[in-house]
């Protein structure tokens, strides 16, 4: 939540993180 703030492509990475967890 704090690590991604201000980093490149943060919103897309956050969404893909959920997709990764759903795949697991």
PDBML (XML) file of the C-alpha atoms, coordinates in Angstrom:
<?xml version="1.0" encoding="UTF-8" ?>
<PDBx:datablock datablockName="MODEL"
   xmlns:PDBx="http://pdbml.pdb.org/schema/pdbx-v50.xsd"
   xmlns:xsi="http://www.w3.org/2001/XMLSchema-instance"
   xsi:schemaLocation="http://pdbml.pdb.org/schema/pdbx-v50.xsd pdbx-v50.xsd">
   <PDBx:atom_siteCategory>
      <PDBx:atom_site id="1">
         <PDBx:B_iso_or_equiv>0.00</PDBx:B_iso_or_equiv>
         <PDBx:Cartn_x>0.000</PDBx:Cartn_x>
         <PDBx:Cartn_y>0.000</PDBx:Cartn_y>
         <PDBx:Cartn_z>0.000</PDBx:Cartn_z>
         <PDBx:auth_asym_id>A</PDBx:auth_asym_id>
         <PDBx:auth_atom_id>CA</PDBx:auth_atom_id>
         <PDBx:auth_comp_id>UNK</PDBx:auth_comp_id>
         <PDBx:auth_seq_id>1</PDBx:auth_seq_id>
         <PDBx:group_PDB>ATOM</PDBx:group_PDB>
         <PDBx:label_alt_id xsi:nil="true" />
         <PDBx:label_asym_id>A</PDBx:label_asym_id>
         <PDBx:label_atom_id>CA</PDBx:label_atom_id>
         <PDBx:label_comp_id>UNK</PDBx:label_comp_id>
         <PDBx:label_entity_id>1</PDBx:label_entity_id>
         <PDBx:label_seq_id>1</PDBx:label_seq_id>
         <PDBx:occupancy>1.00</PDBx:occupancy>
         <PDBx:pdbx_PDB_model_num>1</PDBx:pdbx_PDB_model_num>
         <PDBx:type_symbol>C</PDBx:type_symbol>
      </PDBx:atom_site>
      <PDBx:atom_site id="2">
         <PDBx:B_iso_or_equiv>0.00</PDBx:B_iso_or_equiv>
         <PDBx:Cartn_x>2.842</PDBx:Cartn_x>
         <PDBx:Cartn_y>2.417</PDBx:Cartn_y>
         <PDBx:Cartn_z>0.769</PDBx:Cartn_z>
         <PDBx:auth_asym_id>A</PDBx:auth_asym_id>
         <PDBx:auth_atom_id>CA</PDBx:auth_atom_id>
         <PDBx:auth_comp_id>UNK</PDBx:auth_comp_id>
         <PDBx:auth_seq_id>2</PDBx:auth_seq_id>
         <PDBx:group_PDB>ATOM</PDBx:group_PDB>
         <PDBx:label_alt_id xsi:nil="true" />
         <PDBx:label_asym_id>A</PDBx:label_asym_id>
         <PDBx:label_atom_id>CA</PDBx:label_atom_id>
         <PDBx:label_comp_id>UNK</PDBx:label_comp_id>
         <PDBx:label_entity_id>1</PDBx:label_entity_id>
         <PDBx:label_seq_id>2</PDBx:label_seq_id>
         <PDBx:occupancy>1.00</PDBx:occupancy>
         <PDBx:pdbx_PDB_model_num>1</PDBx:pdbx_PDB_model_num>
         <PDBx:type_symbol>C</PDBx:type_symbol>
      </PDBx:atom_site>
      <PDBx:atom_site id="3">
         <PDBx:B_iso_or_equiv>0.00</PDBx:B_iso_or_equiv>
         <PDBx:Cartn_x>5.535</PDBx:Cartn_x>
         <PDBx:Cartn_y>0.776</PDBx:Cartn_y>
         <PDBx:Cartn_z>-1.363</PDBx:Cartn_z>
         <PDBx:auth_asym_id>A</PDBx:auth_asym_id>
         <PDBx:auth_atom_id>CA</PDBx:auth_atom_id>
         <PDBx:auth_comp_id>UNK</PDBx:auth_comp_id>
         <PDBx:auth_seq_id>3</PDBx:auth_seq_id>
         <PDBx:group_PDB>ATOM</PDBx:group_PDB>
         <PDBx:label_alt_id xsi:nil="true" />
         <PDBx:label_asym_id>A</PDBx:label_asym_id>
         <PDBx:label_atom_id>CA</PDBx:label_atom_id>
         <PDBx:label_comp_id>UNK</PDBx:label_comp_id>
         <PDBx:label_entity_id>1</PDBx:label_entity_id>
         <PDBx:label_seq_id>3</PDBx:label_seq_id>
         <PDBx:occupancy>1.00</PDBx:occupancy>
         <PDBx:pdbx_PDB_model_num>1</PDBx:pdbx_PDB_model_num>
         <PDBx:type_symbol>C</PDBx:type_symbol>
      </PDBx:atom_site>
      <PDBx:atom_site id="4">
         <PDBx:B_iso_or_equiv>0.00</PDBx:B_iso_or_equiv>
         <PDBx:Cartn_x>3.646</PDBx:Cartn_x>
         <PDBx:Cartn_y>1.191</PDBx:Cartn_y>
         <PDBx:Cartn_z>-4.657</PDBx:Cartn_z>
         <PDBx:auth_asym_id>A</PDBx:auth_asym_id>
         <PDBx:auth_atom_id>CA</PDBx:auth_atom_id>
         <PDBx:auth_comp_id>UNK</PDBx:auth_comp_id>
         <PDBx:auth_seq_id>4</PDBx:auth_seq_id>
         <PDBx:group_PDB>ATOM</PDBx:group_PDB>
         <PDBx:label_alt_id xsi:nil="true" />
         <PDBx:label_asym_id>A</PDBx:label_asym_id>
         <PDBx:label_atom_id>CA</PDBx:label_atom_id>
         <PDBx:label_comp_id>UNK</PDBx:label_comp_id>
         <PDBx:label_entity_id>1</PDBx:label_entity_id>
         <PDBx:label_seq_id>4</PDBx:label_seq_id>
         <PDBx:occupancy>1.00</PDBx:occupancy>
         <PDBx:pdbx_PDB_model_num>1</PDBx:pdbx_PDB_model_num>
         <PDBx:type_symbol>C</PDBx:type_symbol>
      </PDBx:atom_site>
      <PDBx:atom_site id="5">
         <PDBx:B_iso_or_equiv>0.00</PDBx:B_iso_or_equiv>
         <PDBx:Cartn_x>2.572</PDBx:Cartn_x>
         <PDBx:Cartn_y>4.761</PDBx:Cartn_y>
         <PDBx:Cartn_z>-4.000</PDBx:Cartn_z>
         <PDBx:auth_asym_id>A</PDBx:auth_asym_id>
         <PDBx:auth_atom_id>CA</PDBx:auth_atom_id>
         <PDBx:auth_comp_id>UNK</PDBx:auth_comp_id>
         <PDBx:auth_seq_id>5</PDBx:auth_seq_id>
         <PDBx:group_PDB>ATOM</PDBx:group_PDB>
         <PDBx:label_alt_id xsi:nil="true" />
         <PDBx:label_asym_id>A</PDBx:label_asym_id>
         <PDBx:label_atom_id>CA</PDBx:label_atom_id>
         <PDBx:label_comp_id>UNK</PDBx:label_comp_id>
         <PDBx:label_entity_id>1</PDBx:label_entity_id>
         <PDBx:label_seq_id>5</PDBx:label_seq_id>
         <PDBx:occupancy>1.00</PDBx:occupancy>
         <PDBx:pdbx_PDB_model_num>1</PDBx:pdbx_PDB_model_num>
         <PDBx:type_symbol>C</PDBx:type_symbol>
      </PDBx:atom_site>
      <PDBx:atom_site id="6">
         <PDBx:B_iso_or_equiv>0.00</PDBx:B_iso_or_equiv>
         <PDBx:Cartn_x>4.305</PDBx:Cartn_x>
         <PDBx:Cartn_y>7.029</PDBx:Cartn_y>
         <PDBx:Cartn_z>-6.492</PDBx:Cartn_z>
         <PDBx:auth_asym_id>A</PDBx:auth_asym_id>
         <PDBx:auth_atom_id>CA</PDBx:auth_atom_id>
         <PDBx:auth_comp_id>UNK</PDBx:auth_comp_id>
         <PDBx:auth_seq_id>6</PDBx:auth_seq_id>
         <PDBx:group_PDB>ATOM</PDBx:group_PDB>
         <PDBx:label_alt_id xsi:nil="true" />
         <PDBx:label_asym_id>A</PDBx:label_asym_id>
         <PDBx:label_atom_id>CA</PDBx:label_atom_id>
         <PDBx:label_comp_id>UNK</PDBx:label_comp_id>
         <PDBx:label_entity_id>1</PDBx:label_entity_id>
         <PDBx:label_seq_id>6</PDBx:label_seq_id>
         <PDBx:occupancy>1.00</PDBx:occupancy>
         <PDBx:pdbx_PDB_model_num>1</PDBx:pdbx_PDB_model_num>
         <PDBx:type_symbol>C</PDBx:type_symbol>
      </PDBx:atom_site>
      <PDBx:atom_site id="7">
         <PDBx:B_iso_or_equiv>0.00</PDBx:B_iso_or_equiv>
         <PDBx:Cartn_x>6.005</PDBx:Cartn_x>
         <PDBx:Cartn_y>4.202</PDBx:Cartn_y>
         <PDBx:Cartn_z>-8.406</PDBx:Cartn_z>
         <PDBx:auth_asym_id>A</PDBx:auth_asym_id>
         <PDBx:auth_atom_id>CA</PDBx:auth_atom_id>
         <PDBx:auth_comp_id>UNK</PDBx:auth_comp_id>
         <PDBx:auth_seq_id>7</PDBx:auth_seq_id>
         <PDBx:group_PDB>ATOM</PDBx:group_PDB>
         <PDBx:label_alt_id xsi:nil="true" />
         <PDBx:label_asym_id>A</PDBx:label_asym_id>
         <PDBx:label_atom_id>CA</PDBx:label_atom_id>
         <PDBx:label_comp_id>UNK</PDBx:label_comp_id>
         <PDBx:label_entity_id>1</PDBx:label_entity_id>
         <PDBx:label_seq_id>7</PDBx:label_seq_id>
         <PDBx:occupancy>1.00</PDBx:occupancy>
         <PDBx:pdbx_PDB_model_num>1</PDBx:pdbx_PDB_model_num>
         <PDBx:type_symbol>C</PDBx:type_symbol>
      </PDBx:atom_site>
      <PDBx:atom_site id="8">
         <PDBx:B_iso_or_equiv>0.00</PDBx:B_iso_or_equiv>
         <PDBx:Cartn_x>5.658</PDBx:Cartn_x>
         <PDBx:Cartn_y>3.620</PDBx:Cartn_y>
         <PDBx:Cartn_z>-12.138</PDBx:Cartn_z>
         <PDBx:auth_asym_id>A</PDBx:auth_asym_id>
         <PDBx:auth_atom_id>CA</PDBx:auth_atom_id>
         <PDBx:auth_comp_id>UNK</PDBx:auth_comp_id>
         <PDBx:auth_seq_id>8</PDBx:auth_seq_id>
         <PDBx:group_PDB>ATOM</PDBx:group_PDB>
         <PDBx:label_alt_id xsi:nil="true" />
         <PDBx:label_asym_id>A</PDBx:label_asym_id>
         <PDBx:label_atom_id>CA</PDBx:label_atom_id>
         <PDBx:label_comp_id>UNK</PDBx:label_comp_id>
         <PDBx:label_entity_id>1</PDBx:label_entity_id>
         <PDBx:label_seq_id>8</PDBx:label_seq_id>
         <PDBx:occupancy>1.00</PDBx:occupancy>
         <PDBx:pdbx_PDB_model_num>1</PDBx:pdbx_PDB_model_num>
         <PDBx:type_symbol>C</PDBx:type_symbol>
      </PDBx:atom_site>
      <PDBx:atom_site id="9">
         <PDBx:B_iso_or_equiv>0.00</PDBx:B_iso_or_equiv>
         <PDBx:Cartn_x>2.503</PDBx:Cartn_x>
         <PDBx:Cartn_y>1.831</PDBx:Cartn_y>
         <PDBx:Cartn_z>-13.265</PDBx:Cartn_z>
         <PDBx:auth_asym_id>A</PDBx:auth_asym_id>
         <PDBx:auth_atom_id>CA</PDBx:auth_atom_id>
         <PDBx:auth_comp_id>UNK</PDBx:auth_comp_id>
         <PDBx:auth_seq_id>9</PDBx:auth_seq_id>
         <PDBx:group_PDB>ATOM</PDBx:group_PDB>
         <PDBx:label_alt_id xsi:nil="true" />
         <PDBx:label_asym_id>A</PDBx:label_asym_id>
         <PDBx:label_atom_id>CA</PDBx:label_atom_id>
         <PDBx:label_comp_id>UNK</PDBx:label_comp_id>
         <PDBx:label_entity_id>1</PDBx:label_entity_id>
         <PDBx:label_seq_id>9</PDBx:label_seq_id>
         <PDBx:occupancy>1.00</PDBx:occupancy>
         <PDBx:pdbx_PDB_model_num>1</PDBx:pdbx_PDB_model_num>
         <PDBx:type_symbol>C</PDBx:type_symbol>
      </PDBx:atom_site>
      <PDBx:atom_site id="10">
         <PDBx:B_iso_or_equiv>0.00</PDBx:B_iso_or_equiv>
         <PDBx:Cartn_x>1.342</PDBx:Cartn_x>
         <PDBx:Cartn_y>1.507</PDBx:Cartn_y>
         <PDBx:Cartn_z>-9.651</PDBx:Cartn_z>
         <PDBx:auth_asym_id>A</PDBx:auth_asym_id>
         <PDBx:auth_atom_id>CA</PDBx:auth_atom_id>
         <PDBx:auth_comp_id>UNK</PDBx:auth_comp_id>
         <PDBx:auth_seq_id>10</PDBx:auth_seq_id>
         <PDBx:group_PDB>ATOM</PDBx:group_PDB>
         <PDBx:label_alt_id xsi:nil="true" />
         <PDBx:label_asym_id>A</PDBx:label_asym_id>
         <PDBx:label_atom_id>CA</PDBx:label_atom_id>
         <PDBx:label_comp_id>UNK</PDBx:label_comp_id>
         <PDBx:label_entity_id>1</PDBx:label_entity_id>
         <PDBx:label_seq_id>10</PDBx:label_seq_id>
         <PDBx:occupancy>1.00</PDBx:occupancy>
         <PDBx:pdbx_PDB_model_num>1</PDBx:pdbx_PDB_model_num>
         <PDBx:type_symbol>C</PDBx:type_symbol>
      </PDBx:atom_site>
      <PDBx:atom_site id="11">
         <PDBx:B_iso_or_equiv>0.00</PDBx:B_iso_or_equiv>
         <PDBx:Cartn_x>-2.362</PDBx:Cartn_x>
         <PDBx:Cartn_y>1.088</PDBx:Cartn_y>
         <PDBx:Cartn_z>-10.424</PDBx:Cartn_z>
         <PDBx:auth_asym_id>A</PDBx:auth_asym_id>
         <PDBx:auth_atom_id>CA</PDBx:auth_atom_id>
         <PDBx:auth_comp_id>UNK</PDBx:auth_comp_id>
         <PDBx:auth_seq_id>11</PDBx:auth_seq_id>
         <PDBx:group_PDB>ATOM</PDBx:group_PDB>
         <PDBx:label_alt_id xsi:nil="true" />
         <PDBx:label_asym_id>A</PDBx:label_asym_id>
         <PDBx:label_atom_id>CA</PDBx:label_atom_id>
         <PDBx:label_comp_id>UNK</PDBx:label_comp_id>
         <PDBx:label_entity_id>1</PDBx:label_entity_id>
         <PDBx:label_seq_id>11</PDBx:label_seq_id>
         <PDBx:occupancy>1.00</PDBx:occupancy>
         <PDBx:pdbx_PDB_model_num>1</PDBx:pdbx_PDB_model_num>
         <PDBx:type_symbol>C</PDBx:type_symbol>
      </PDBx:atom_site>
      <PDBx:atom_site id="12">
         <PDBx:B_iso_or_equiv>0.00</PDBx:B_iso_or_equiv>
         <PDBx:Cartn_x>-1.754</PDBx:Cartn_x>
         <PDBx:Cartn_y>-1.596</PDBx:Cartn_y>
         <PDBx:Cartn_z>-13.045</PDBx:Cartn_z>
         <PDBx:auth_asym_id>A</PDBx:auth_asym_id>
         <PDBx:auth_atom_id>CA</PDBx:auth_atom_id>
         <PDBx:auth_comp_id>UNK</PDBx:auth_comp_id>
         <PDBx:auth_seq_id>12</PDBx:auth_seq_id>
         <PDBx:group_PDB>ATOM</PDBx:group_PDB>
         <PDBx:label_alt_id xsi:nil="true" />
         <PDBx:label_asym_id>A</PDBx:label_asym_id>
         <PDBx:label_atom_id>CA</PDBx:label_atom_id>
         <PDBx:label_comp_id>UNK</PDBx:label_comp_id>
         <PDBx:label_entity_id>1</PDBx:label_entity_id>
         <PDBx:label_seq_id>12</PDBx:label_seq_id>
         <PDBx:occupancy>1.00</PDBx:occupancy>
         <PDBx:pdbx_PDB_model_num>1</PDBx:pdbx_PDB_model_num>
         <PDBx:type_symbol>C</PDBx:type_symbol>
      </PDBx:atom_site>
      <PDBx:atom_site id="13">
         <PDBx:B_iso_or_equiv>0.00</PDBx:B_iso_or_equiv>
         <PDBx:Cartn_x>0.680</PDBx:Cartn_x>
         <PDBx:Cartn_y>-3.426</PDBx:Cartn_y>
         <PDBx:Cartn_z>-10.765</PDBx:Cartn_z>
         <PDBx:auth_asym_id>A</PDBx:auth_asym_id>
         <PDBx:auth_atom_id>CA</PDBx:auth_atom_id>
         <PDBx:auth_comp_id>UNK</PDBx:auth_comp_id>
         <PDBx:auth_seq_id>13</PDBx:auth_seq_id>
         <PDBx:group_PDB>ATOM</PDBx:group_PDB>
         <PDBx:label_alt_id xsi:nil="true" />
         <PDBx:label_asym_id>A</PDBx:label_asym_id>
         <PDBx:label_atom_id>CA</PDBx:label_atom_id>
         <PDBx:label_comp_id>UNK</PDBx:label_comp_id>
         <PDBx:label_entity_id>1</PDBx:label_entity_id>
         <PDBx:label_seq_id>13</PDBx:label_seq_id>
         <PDBx:occupancy>1.00</PDBx:occupancy>
         <PDBx:pdbx_PDB_model_num>1</PDBx:pdbx_PDB_model_num>
         <PDBx:type_symbol>C</PDBx:type_symbol>
      </PDBx:atom_site>
      <PDBx:atom_site id="14">
         <PDBx:B_iso_or_equiv>0.00</PDBx:B_iso_or_equiv>
         <PDBx:Cartn_x>-1.850</PDBx:Cartn_x>
         <PDBx:Cartn_y>-3.285</PDBx:Cartn_y>
         <PDBx:Cartn_z>-7.922</PDBx:Cartn_z>
         <PDBx:auth_asym_id>A</PDBx:auth_asym_id>
         <PDBx:auth_atom_id>CA</PDBx:auth_atom_id>
         <PDBx:auth_comp_id>UNK</PDBx:auth_comp_id>
         <PDBx:auth_seq_id>14</PDBx:auth_seq_id>
         <PDBx:group_PDB>ATOM</PDBx:group_PDB>
         <PDBx:label_alt_id xsi:nil="true" />
         <PDBx:label_asym_id>A</PDBx:label_asym_id>
         <PDBx:label_atom_id>CA</PDBx:label_atom_id>
         <PDBx:label_comp_id>UNK</PDBx:label_comp_id>
         <PDBx:label_entity_id>1</PDBx:label_entity_id>
         <PDBx:label_seq_id>14</PDBx:label_seq_id>
         <PDBx:occupancy>1.00</PDBx:occupancy>
         <PDBx:pdbx_PDB_model_num>1</PDBx:pdbx_PDB_model_num>
         <PDBx:type_symbol>C</PDBx:type_symbol>
      </PDBx:atom_site>
      <PDBx:atom_site id="15">
         <PDBx:B_iso_or_equiv>0.00</PDBx:B_iso_or_equiv>
         <PDBx:Cartn_x>-4.551</PDBx:Cartn_x>
         <PDBx:Cartn_y>-4.791</PDBx:Cartn_y>
         <PDBx:Cartn_z>-10.126</PDBx:Cartn_z>
         <PDBx:auth_asym_id>A</PDBx:auth_asym_id>
         <PDBx:auth_atom_id>CA</PDBx:auth_atom_id>
         <PDBx:auth_comp_id>UNK</PDBx:auth_comp_id>
         <PDBx:auth_seq_id>15</PDBx:auth_seq_id>
         <PDBx:group_PDB>ATOM</PDBx:group_PDB>
         <PDBx:label_alt_id xsi:nil="true" />
         <PDBx:label_asym_id>A</PDBx:label_asym_id>
         <PDBx:label_atom_id>CA</PDBx:label_atom_id>
         <PDBx:label_comp_id>UNK</PDBx:label_comp_id>
         <PDBx:label_entity_id>1</PDBx:label_entity_id>
         <PDBx:label_seq_id>15</PDBx:label_seq_id>
         <PDBx:occupancy>1.00</PDBx:occupancy>
         <PDBx:pdbx_PDB_model_num>1</PDBx:pdbx_PDB_model_num>
         <PDBx:type_symbol>C</PDBx:type_symbol>
      </PDBx:atom_site>
      <PDBx:atom_site id="16">
         <PDBx:B_iso_or_equiv>0.00</PDBx:B_iso_or_equiv>
         <PDBx:Cartn_x>-2.193</PDBx:Cartn_x>
         <PDBx:Cartn_y>-7.459</PDBx:Cartn_y>
         <PDBx:Cartn_z>-11.469</PDBx:Cartn_z>
         <PDBx:auth_asym_id>A</PDBx:auth_asym_id>
         <PDBx:auth_atom_id>CA</PDBx:auth_atom_id>
         <PDBx:auth_comp_id>UNK</PDBx:auth_comp_id>
         <PDBx:auth_seq_id>16</PDBx:auth_seq_id>
         <PDBx:group_PDB>ATOM</PDBx:group_PDB>
         <PDBx:label_alt_id xsi:nil="true" />
         <PDBx:label_asym_id>A</PDBx:label_asym_id>
         <PDBx:label_atom_id>CA</PDBx:label_atom_id>
         <PDBx:label_comp_id>UNK</PDBx:label_comp_id>
         <PDBx:label_entity_id>1</PDBx:label_entity_id>
         <PDBx:label_seq_id>16</PDBx:label_seq_id>
         <PDBx:occupancy>1.00</PDBx:occupancy>
         <PDBx:pdbx_PDB_model_num>1</PDBx:pdbx_PDB_model_num>
         <PDBx:type_symbol>C</PDBx:type_symbol>
      </PDBx:atom_site>
      <PDBx:atom_site id="17">
         <PDBx:B_iso_or_equiv>0.00</PDBx:B_iso_or_equiv>
         <PDBx:Cartn_x>-1.237</PDBx:Cartn_x>
         <PDBx:Cartn_y>-8.348</PDBx:Cartn_y>
         <PDBx:Cartn_z>-7.907</PDBx:Cartn_z>
         <PDBx:auth_asym_id>A</PDBx:auth_asym_id>
         <PDBx:auth_atom_id>CA</PDBx:auth_atom_id>
         <PDBx:auth_comp_id>UNK</PDBx:auth_comp_id>
         <PDBx:auth_seq_id>17</PDBx:auth_seq_id>
         <PDBx:group_PDB>ATOM</PDBx:group_PDB>
         <PDBx:label_alt_id xsi:nil="true" />
         <PDBx:label_asym_id>A</PDBx:label_asym_id>
         <PDBx:label_atom_id>CA</PDBx:label_atom_id>
         <PDBx:label_comp_id>UNK</PDBx:label_comp_id>
         <PDBx:label_entity_id>1</PDBx:label_entity_id>
         <PDBx:label_seq_id>17</PDBx:label_seq_id>
         <PDBx:occupancy>1.00</PDBx:occupancy>
         <PDBx:pdbx_PDB_model_num>1</PDBx:pdbx_PDB_model_num>
         <PDBx:type_symbol>C</PDBx:type_symbol>
      </PDBx:atom_site>
      <PDBx:atom_site id="18">
         <PDBx:B_iso_or_equiv>0.00</PDBx:B_iso_or_equiv>
         <PDBx:Cartn_x>-4.857</PDBx:Cartn_x>
         <PDBx:Cartn_y>-9.337</PDBx:Cartn_y>
         <PDBx:Cartn_z>-7.274</PDBx:Cartn_z>
         <PDBx:auth_asym_id>A</PDBx:auth_asym_id>
         <PDBx:auth_atom_id>CA</PDBx:auth_atom_id>
         <PDBx:auth_comp_id>UNK</PDBx:auth_comp_id>
         <PDBx:auth_seq_id>18</PDBx:auth_seq_id>
         <PDBx:group_PDB>ATOM</PDBx:group_PDB>
         <PDBx:label_alt_id xsi:nil="true" />
         <PDBx:label_asym_id>A</PDBx:label_asym_id>
         <PDBx:label_atom_id>CA</PDBx:label_atom_id>
         <PDBx:label_comp_id>UNK</PDBx:label_comp_id>
         <PDBx:label_entity_id>1</PDBx:label_entity_id>
         <PDBx:label_seq_id>18</PDBx:label_seq_id>
         <PDBx:occupancy>1.00</PDBx:occupancy>
         <PDBx:pdbx_PDB_model_num>1</PDBx:pdbx_PDB_model_num>
         <PDBx:type_symbol>C</PDBx:type_symbol>
      </PDBx:atom_site>
      <PDBx:atom_site id="19">
         <PDBx:B_iso_or_equiv>0.00</PDBx:B_iso_or_equiv>
         <PDBx:Cartn_x>-4.909</PDBx:Cartn_x>
         <PDBx:Cartn_y>-11.351</PDBx:Cartn_y>
         <PDBx:Cartn_z>-10.498</PDBx:Cartn_z>
         <PDBx:auth_asym_id>A</PDBx:auth_asym_id>
         <PDBx:auth_atom_id>CA</PDBx:auth_atom_id>
         <PDBx:auth_comp_id>UNK</PDBx:auth_comp_id>
         <PDBx:auth_seq_id>19</PDBx:auth_seq_id>
         <PDBx:group_PDB>ATOM</PDBx:group_PDB>
         <PDBx:label_alt_id xsi:nil="true" />
         <PDBx:label_asym_id>A</PDBx:label_asym_id>
         <PDBx:label_atom_id>CA</PDBx:label_atom_id>
         <PDBx:label_comp_id>UNK</PDBx:label_comp_id>
         <PDBx:label_entity_id>1</PDBx:label_entity_id>
         <PDBx:label_seq_id>19</PDBx:label_seq_id>
         <PDBx:occupancy>1.00</PDBx:occupancy>
         <PDBx:pdbx_PDB_model_num>1</PDBx:pdbx_PDB_model_num>
         <PDBx:type_symbol>C</PDBx:type_symbol>
      </PDBx:atom_site>
      <PDBx:atom_site id="20">
         <PDBx:B_iso_or_equiv>0.00</PDBx:B_iso_or_equiv>
         <PDBx:Cartn_x>-1.707</PDBx:Cartn_x>
         <PDBx:Cartn_y>-13.126</PDBx:Cartn_y>
         <PDBx:Cartn_z>-9.442</PDBx:Cartn_z>
         <PDBx:auth_asym_id>A</PDBx:auth_asym_id>
         <PDBx:auth_atom_id>CA</PDBx:auth_atom_id>
         <PDBx:auth_comp_id>UNK</PDBx:auth_comp_id>
         <PDBx:auth_seq_id>20</PDBx:auth_seq_id>
         <PDBx:group_PDB>ATOM</PDBx:group_PDB>
         <PDBx:label_alt_id xsi:nil="true" />
         <PDBx:label_asym_id>A</PDBx:label_asym_id>
         <PDBx:label_atom_id>CA</PDBx:label_atom_id>
         <PDBx:label_comp_id>UNK</PDBx:label_comp_id>
         <PDBx:label_entity_id>1</PDBx:label_entity_id>
         <PDBx:label_seq_id>20</PDBx:label_seq_id>
         <PDBx:occupancy>1.00</PDBx:occupancy>
         <PDBx:pdbx_PDB_model_num>1</PDBx:pdbx_PDB_model_num>
         <PDBx:type_symbol>C</PDBx:type_symbol>
      </PDBx:atom_site>
      <PDBx:atom_site id="21">
         <PDBx:B_iso_or_equiv>0.00</PDBx:B_iso_or_equiv>
         <PDBx:Cartn_x>-3.175</PDBx:Cartn_x>
         <PDBx:Cartn_y>-14.021</PDBx:Cartn_y>
         <PDBx:Cartn_z>-6.056</PDBx:Cartn_z>
         <PDBx:auth_asym_id>A</PDBx:auth_asym_id>
         <PDBx:auth_atom_id>CA</PDBx:auth_atom_id>
         <PDBx:auth_comp_id>UNK</PDBx:auth_comp_id>
         <PDBx:auth_seq_id>21</PDBx:auth_seq_id>
         <PDBx:group_PDB>ATOM</PDBx:group_PDB>
         <PDBx:label_alt_id xsi:nil="true" />
         <PDBx:label_asym_id>A</PDBx:label_asym_id>
         <PDBx:label_atom_id>CA</PDBx:label_atom_id>
         <PDBx:label_comp_id>UNK</PDBx:label_comp_id>
         <PDBx:label_entity_id>1</PDBx:label_entity_id>
         <PDBx:label_seq_id>21</PDBx:label_seq_id>
         <PDBx:occupancy>1.00</PDBx:occupancy>
         <PDBx:pdbx_PDB_model_num>1</PDBx:pdbx_PDB_model_num>
         <PDBx:type_symbol>C</PDBx:type_symbol>
      </PDBx:atom_site>
      <PDBx:atom_site id="22">
         <PDBx:B_iso_or_equiv>0.00</PDBx:B_iso_or_equiv>
         <PDBx:Cartn_x>-6.385</PDBx:Cartn_x>
         <PDBx:Cartn_y>-15.269</PDBx:Cartn_y>
         <PDBx:Cartn_z>-7.676</PDBx:Cartn_z>
         <PDBx:auth_asym_id>A</PDBx:auth_asym_id>
         <PDBx:auth_atom_id>CA</PDBx:auth_atom_id>
         <PDBx:auth_comp_id>UNK</PDBx:auth_comp_id>
         <PDBx:auth_seq_id>22</PDBx:auth_seq_id>
         <PDBx:group_PDB>ATOM</PDBx:group_PDB>
         <PDBx:label_alt_id xsi:nil="true" />
         <PDBx:label_asym_id>A</PDBx:label_asym_id>
         <PDBx:label_atom_id>CA</PDBx:label_atom_id>
         <PDBx:label_comp_id>UNK</PDBx:label_comp_id>
         <PDBx:label_entity_id>1</PDBx:label_entity_id>
         <PDBx:label_seq_id>22</PDBx:label_seq_id>
         <PDBx:occupancy>1.00</PDBx:occupancy>
         <PDBx:pdbx_PDB_model_num>1</PDBx:pdbx_PDB_model_num>
         <PDBx:type_symbol>C</PDBx:type_symbol>
      </PDBx:atom_site>
      <PDBx:atom_site id="23">
         <PDBx:B_iso_or_equiv>0.00</PDBx:B_iso_or_equiv>
         <PDBx:Cartn_x>-4.289</PDBx:Cartn_x>
         <PDBx:Cartn_y>-17.457</PDBx:Cartn_y>
         <PDBx:Cartn_z>-9.981</PDBx:Cartn_z>
         <PDBx:auth_asym_id>A</PDBx:auth_asym_id>
         <PDBx:auth_atom_id>CA</PDBx:auth_atom_id>
         <PDBx:auth_comp_id>UNK</PDBx:auth_comp_id>
         <PDBx:auth_seq_id>23</PDBx:auth_seq_id>
         <PDBx:group_PDB>ATOM</PDBx:group_PDB>
         <PDBx:label_alt_id xsi:nil="true" />
         <PDBx:label_asym_id>A</PDBx:label_asym_id>
         <PDBx:label_atom_id>CA</PDBx:label_atom_id>
         <PDBx:label_comp_id>UNK</PDBx:label_comp_id>
         <PDBx:label_entity_id>1</PDBx:label_entity_id>
         <PDBx:label_seq_id>23</PDBx:label_seq_id>
         <PDBx:occupancy>1.00</PDBx:occupancy>
         <PDBx:pdbx_PDB_model_num>1</PDBx:pdbx_PDB_model_num>
         <PDBx:type_symbol>C</PDBx:type_symbol>
      </PDBx:atom_site>
      <PDBx:atom_site id="24">
         <PDBx:B_iso_or_equiv>0.00</PDBx:B_iso_or_equiv>
         <PDBx:Cartn_x>-2.443</PDBx:Cartn_x>
         <PDBx:Cartn_y>-18.943</PDBx:Cartn_y>
         <PDBx:Cartn_z>-6.998</PDBx:Cartn_z>
         <PDBx:auth_asym_id>A</PDBx:auth_asym_id>
         <PDBx:auth_atom_id>CA</PDBx:auth_atom_id>
         <PDBx:auth_comp_id>UNK</PDBx:auth_comp_id>
         <PDBx:auth_seq_id>24</PDBx:auth_seq_id>
         <PDBx:group_PDB>ATOM</PDBx:group_PDB>
         <PDBx:label_alt_id xsi:nil="true" />
         <PDBx:label_asym_id>A</PDBx:label_asym_id>
         <PDBx:label_atom_id>CA</PDBx:label_atom_id>
         <PDBx:label_comp_id>UNK</PDBx:label_comp_id>
         <PDBx:label_entity_id>1</PDBx:label_entity_id>
         <PDBx:label_seq_id>24</PDBx:label_seq_id>
         <PDBx:occupancy>1.00</PDBx:occupancy>
         <PDBx:pdbx_PDB_model_num>1</PDBx:pdbx_PDB_model_num>
         <PDBx:type_symbol>C</PDBx:type_symbol>
      </PDBx:atom_site>
   </PDBx:atom_siteCategory>
</PDBx:datablock>
